[in-house]
Amino acid sequence: VQLQASGGGLVQAGDSLRISCAASDHTSRRNNMGWFRRTPGKEREFVAAVRWSITTTFYADSVKGRFTISRDNPKNTLYLQMNRLKPEDTGVYYCAAATINGPAYSNNHDDPSLYTSWGQGTQVTVSS
């Protein structure tokens, strides 16, 4: 499946922003999906993930309570609503799809190597 992330931009600290990830076809509906980001000076890090059934979501501690991941399966689209943004949230955000399921996914959802399809990334810049 091909993924296309969009919606990034320049915002001020405290603002909100929603980024999206469109999948090329409906096969993504059975994939678990995640958002990762690459921030200045850091490796790619996990942000949030949602199971294909939408029953379970996962968040990094740094974004818990501020970010919300969601998906619209009929539209083959993944979202990340980001509220109360901080300058340290600045980075390139990537969406990704994982075909692995069950406990193997639940226990390792933050591992980039589980994800087989990646979008091109969208830049989010938060000014102080």
C-alpha atoms as a PDB file:
ATOM      1  CA  VAL A   1       0.000   0.000   0.000  1.00  0.00           C
ATOM      2  CA  GLN A   2       1.223   3.519  -0.792  1.00  0.00           C
ATOM      3  CA  LEU A   3       0.819   6.230   1.826  1.00  0.00           C
ATOM      4  CA  GLN A   4       0.684   9.988   1.369  1.00  0.00           C
ATOM      5  CA  ALA A   5       1.010  12.254   4.398  1.00  0.00           C
ATOM      6  CA  SER A   6      -0.180  15.855   4.327  1.00  0.00           C
ATOM      7  CA  GLY A   7      -1.311  18.745   6.477  1.00  0.00           C
ATOM      8  CA  GLY A   8       1.941  19.818   8.085  1.00  0.00           C
ATOM      9  CA  GLY A   9       2.847  23.450   8.526  1.00  0.00           C
ATOM     10  CA  LEU A  10       4.173  26.221  10.736  1.00  0.00           C
ATOM     11  CA  VAL A  11       2.241  26.925  13.919  1.00  0.00           C
ATOM     12  CA  GLN A  12       2.859  28.623  17.241  1.00  0.00           C
ATOM     13  CA  ALA A  13       3.276  26.887  20.573  1.00  0.00           C
ATOM     14  CA  GLY A  14      -0.124  26.048  22.033  1.00  0.00           C
ATOM     15  CA  ASP A  15      -1.801  25.787  18.625  1.00  0.00           C
ATOM     16  CA  SER A  16      -3.477  22.743  17.133  1.00  0.00           C
ATOM     17  CA  LEU A  17      -2.861  20.981  13.849  1.00  0.00           C
ATOM     18  CA  ARG A  18      -4.279  17.889  12.181  1.00  0.00           C
ATOM     19  CA  ILE A  19      -2.205  15.869   9.765  1.00  0.00           C
ATOM     20  CA  SER A  20      -3.565  13.186   7.478  1.00  0.00           C
ATOM     21  CA  CYS A  21      -2.328  10.098   5.713  1.00  0.00           C
ATOM     22  CA  ALA A  22      -4.149   8.805   2.659  1.00  0.00           C
ATOM     23  CA  ALA A  23      -3.708   5.184   1.632  1.00  0.00           C
ATOM     24  CA  SER A  24      -3.733   4.176  -2.005  1.00  0.00           C
ATOM     25  CA  ASP A  25      -6.288   1.404  -1.603  1.00  0.00           C
ATOM     26  CA  HIS A  26      -8.612  -0.356   0.784  1.00  0.00           C
ATOM     27  CA  THR A  27      -6.065  -3.007   1.771  1.00  0.00           C
ATOM     28  CA  SER A  28      -4.852  -0.553   4.416  1.00  0.00           C
ATOM     29  CA  ARG A  29      -8.106  -1.122   6.297  1.00  0.00           C
ATOM     30  CA  ARG A  30      -6.683  -4.394   7.623  1.00  0.00           C
ATOM     31  CA  ASN A  31      -3.341  -2.829   8.542  1.00  0.00           C
ATOM     32  CA  ASN A  32      -2.385  -1.464  11.903  1.00  0.00           C
ATOM     33  CA  MET A  33      -1.283   2.125  11.374  1.00  0.00           C
ATOM     34  CA  GLY A  34       1.136   4.400  13.152  1.00  0.00           C
ATOM     35  CA  TRP A  35       2.718   7.841  13.196  1.00  0.00           C
ATOM     36  CA  PHE A  36       6.427   8.354  13.758  1.00  0.00           C
ATOM     37  CA  ARG A  37       8.483  11.522  13.730  1.00  0.00           C
ATOM     38  CA  ARG A  38      12.055  12.512  13.177  1.00  0.00           C
ATOM     39  CA  THR A  39      12.982  15.510  15.267  1.00  0.00           C
ATOM     40  CA  PRO A  40      16.231  17.506  15.012  1.00  0.00           C
ATOM     41  CA  GLY A  41      19.115  15.574  16.509  1.00  0.00           C
ATOM     42  CA  LYS A  42      17.065  12.462  17.206  1.00  0.00           C
ATOM     43  CA  GLU A  43      16.346   9.156  15.590  1.00  0.00           C
ATOM     44  CA  ARG A  44      12.911   8.367  14.261  1.00  0.00           C
ATOM     45  CA  GLU A  45      10.599   7.961  17.237  1.00  0.00           C
ATOM     46  CA  PHE A  46       7.171   6.493  17.789  1.00  0.00           C
ATOM     47  CA  VAL A  47       4.290   8.927  18.272  1.00  0.00           C
ATOM     48  CA  ALA A  48       1.001   7.016  18.097  1.00  0.00           C
ATOM     49  CA  ALA A  49      -0.630   3.931  16.622  1.00  0.00           C
ATOM     50  CA  VAL A  50      -4.074   2.460  16.087  1.00  0.00           C
ATOM     51  CA  ARG A  51      -5.123  -1.100  15.370  1.00  0.00           C
ATOM     52  CA  TRP A  52      -7.015  -1.838  12.159  1.00  0.00           C
ATOM     53  CA  SER A  53     -10.146  -2.576  14.206  1.00  0.00           C
ATOM     54  CA  ILE A  54      -9.894   0.884  15.834  1.00  0.00           C
ATOM     55  CA  THR A  55     -10.399  -0.797  19.190  1.00  0.00           C
ATOM     56  CA  THR A  56      -6.983   0.072  20.582  1.00  0.00           C
ATOM     57  CA  THR A  57      -4.712   3.086  20.392  1.00  0.00           C
ATOM     58  CA  PHE A  58      -1.161   3.586  21.621  1.00  0.00           C
ATOM     59  CA  TYR A  59       0.690   6.800  22.435  1.00  0.00           C
ATOM     60  CA  ALA A  60       4.185   7.877  23.337  1.00  0.00           C
ATOM     61  CA  ASP A  61       4.345   9.362  26.813  1.00  0.00           C
ATOM     62  CA  SER A  62       5.488  12.688  25.370  1.00  0.00           C
ATOM     63  CA  VAL A  63       2.241  13.186  23.439  1.00  0.00           C
ATOM     64  CA  LYS A  64      -0.292  11.384  25.621  1.00  0.00           C
ATOM     65  CA  GLY A  65      -3.189  13.682  26.459  1.00  0.00           C
ATOM     66  CA  ARG A  66      -2.319  16.121  23.649  1.00  0.00           C
ATOM     67  CA  PHE A  67      -2.421  14.025  20.478  1.00  0.00           C
ATOM     68  CA  THR A  68      -5.222  11.814  19.195  1.00  0.00           C
ATOM     69  CA  ILE A  69      -4.845   9.217  16.470  1.00  0.00           C
ATOM     70  CA  SER A  70      -7.866   8.149  14.481  1.00  0.00           C
ATOM     71  CA  ARG A  71      -8.708   6.485  11.210  1.00  0.00           C
ATOM     72  CA  ASP A  72     -11.556   6.533   8.747  1.00  0.00           C
ATOM     73  CA  ASN A  73     -11.445   3.131   7.116  1.00  0.00           C
ATOM     74  CA  PRO A  74     -14.079   3.799   4.420  1.00  0.00           C
ATOM     75  CA  LYS A  75     -11.948   6.775   3.327  1.00  0.00           C
ATOM     76  CA  ASN A  76      -8.634   4.884   3.706  1.00  0.00           C
ATOM     77  CA  THR A  77      -7.336   7.789   5.777  1.00  0.00           C
ATOM     78  CA  LEU A  78      -5.365   8.057   9.000  1.00  0.00           C
ATOM     79  CA  TYR A  79      -5.313  11.223  11.113  1.00  0.00           C
ATOM     80  CA  LEU A  80      -3.268  12.706  13.914  1.00  0.00           C
ATOM     81  CA  GLN A  81      -4.898  15.554  15.812  1.00  0.00           C
ATOM     82  CA  MET A  82      -2.208  17.486  17.653  1.00  0.00           C
ATOM     83  CA  ASN A  83      -3.245  19.920  20.370  1.00  0.00           C
ATOM     84  CA  ARG A  84      -1.209  22.133  22.678  1.00  0.00           C
ATOM     85  CA  LEU A  85       1.771  21.814  20.409  1.00  0.00           C
ATOM     86  CA  LYS A  86       5.233  22.466  21.805  1.00  0.00           C
ATOM     87  CA  PRO A  87       8.459  23.492  20.035  1.00  0.00           C
ATOM     88  CA  GLU A  88       9.864  20.032  20.806  1.00  0.00           C
ATOM     89  CA  ASP A  89       7.119  18.543  18.628  1.00  0.00           C
ATOM     90  CA  THR A  90       8.867  20.038  15.598  1.00  0.00           C
ATOM     91  CA  GLY A  91       9.906  17.435  13.072  1.00  0.00           C
ATOM     92  CA  VAL A  92       8.972  15.405  10.037  1.00  0.00           C
ATOM     93  CA  TYR A  93       5.976  13.187  10.692  1.00  0.00           C
ATOM     94  CA  TYR A  94       5.653   9.868   8.893  1.00  0.00           C
ATOM     95  CA  CYS A  95       2.687   7.554   8.675  1.00  0.00           C
ATOM     96  CA  ALA A  96       3.275   3.836   8.402  1.00  0.00           C
ATOM     97  CA  ALA A  97       1.352   0.600   7.976  1.00  0.00           C
ATOM     98  CA  ALA A  98       2.019  -2.754   9.606  1.00  0.00           C
ATOM     99  CA  THR A  99       0.531  -6.053   8.452  1.00  0.00           C
ATOM    100  CA  ILE A 100       1.536  -7.958  11.552  1.00  0.00           C
ATOM    101  CA  ASN A 101      -1.243  -8.410  14.079  1.00  0.00           C
ATOM    102  CA  GLY A 102      -2.093  -9.887  17.458  1.00  0.00           C
ATOM    103  CA  PRO A 103       0.148  -9.699  20.508  1.00  0.00           C
ATOM    104  CA  ALA A 104       3.216  -9.403  18.276  1.00  0.00           C
ATOM    105  CA  TYR A 105       1.946  -6.015  17.219  1.00  0.00           C
ATOM    106  CA  SER A 106       0.510  -4.919  20.555  1.00  0.00           C
ATOM    107  CA  ASN A 107       3.749  -5.640  22.371  1.00  0.00           C
ATOM    108  CA  ASN A 108       5.972  -3.995  19.761  1.00  0.00           C
ATOM    109  CA  HIS A 109       3.810  -1.288  18.199  1.00  0.00           C
ATOM    110  CA  ASP A 110       6.526   1.325  18.726  1.00  0.00           C
ATOM    111  CA  ASP A 111       9.147  -0.615  16.743  1.00  0.00           C
ATOM    112  CA  PRO A 112       9.624   0.956  13.273  1.00  0.00           C
ATOM    113  CA  SER A 113      10.811  -2.362  11.831  1.00  0.00           C
ATOM    114  CA  LEU A 114       7.267  -3.790  12.192  1.00  0.00           C
ATOM    115  CA  TYR A 115       5.960  -1.309   9.625  1.00  0.00           C
ATOM    116  CA  THR A 116       6.346  -2.296   5.986  1.00  0.00           C
ATOM    117  CA  SER A 117       4.875   0.735   4.218  1.00  0.00           C
ATOM    118  CA  TRP A 118       5.854   4.351   4.858  1.00  0.00           C
ATOM    119  CA  GLY A 119       4.620   7.710   3.678  1.00  0.00           C
ATOM    120  CA  GLN A 120       6.986  10.446   2.533  1.00  0.00           C
ATOM    121  CA  GLY A 121       6.591  12.593   5.634  1.00  0.00           C
ATOM    122  CA  THR A 122       5.101  15.992   6.347  1.00  0.00           C
ATOM    123  CA  GLN A 123       6.961  18.800   8.140  1.00  0.00           C
ATOM    124  CA  VAL A 124       5.526  20.205  11.352  1.00  0.00           C
ATOM    125  CA  THR A 125       7.237  23.272  12.798  1.00  0.00           C
ATOM    126  CA  VAL A 126       6.198  24.745  16.128  1.00  0.00           C
ATOM    127  CA  SER A 127       7.590  28.164  16.969  1.00  0.00           C
ATOM    128  CA  SER A 128       7.947  29.380  20.536  1.00  0.00           C
END
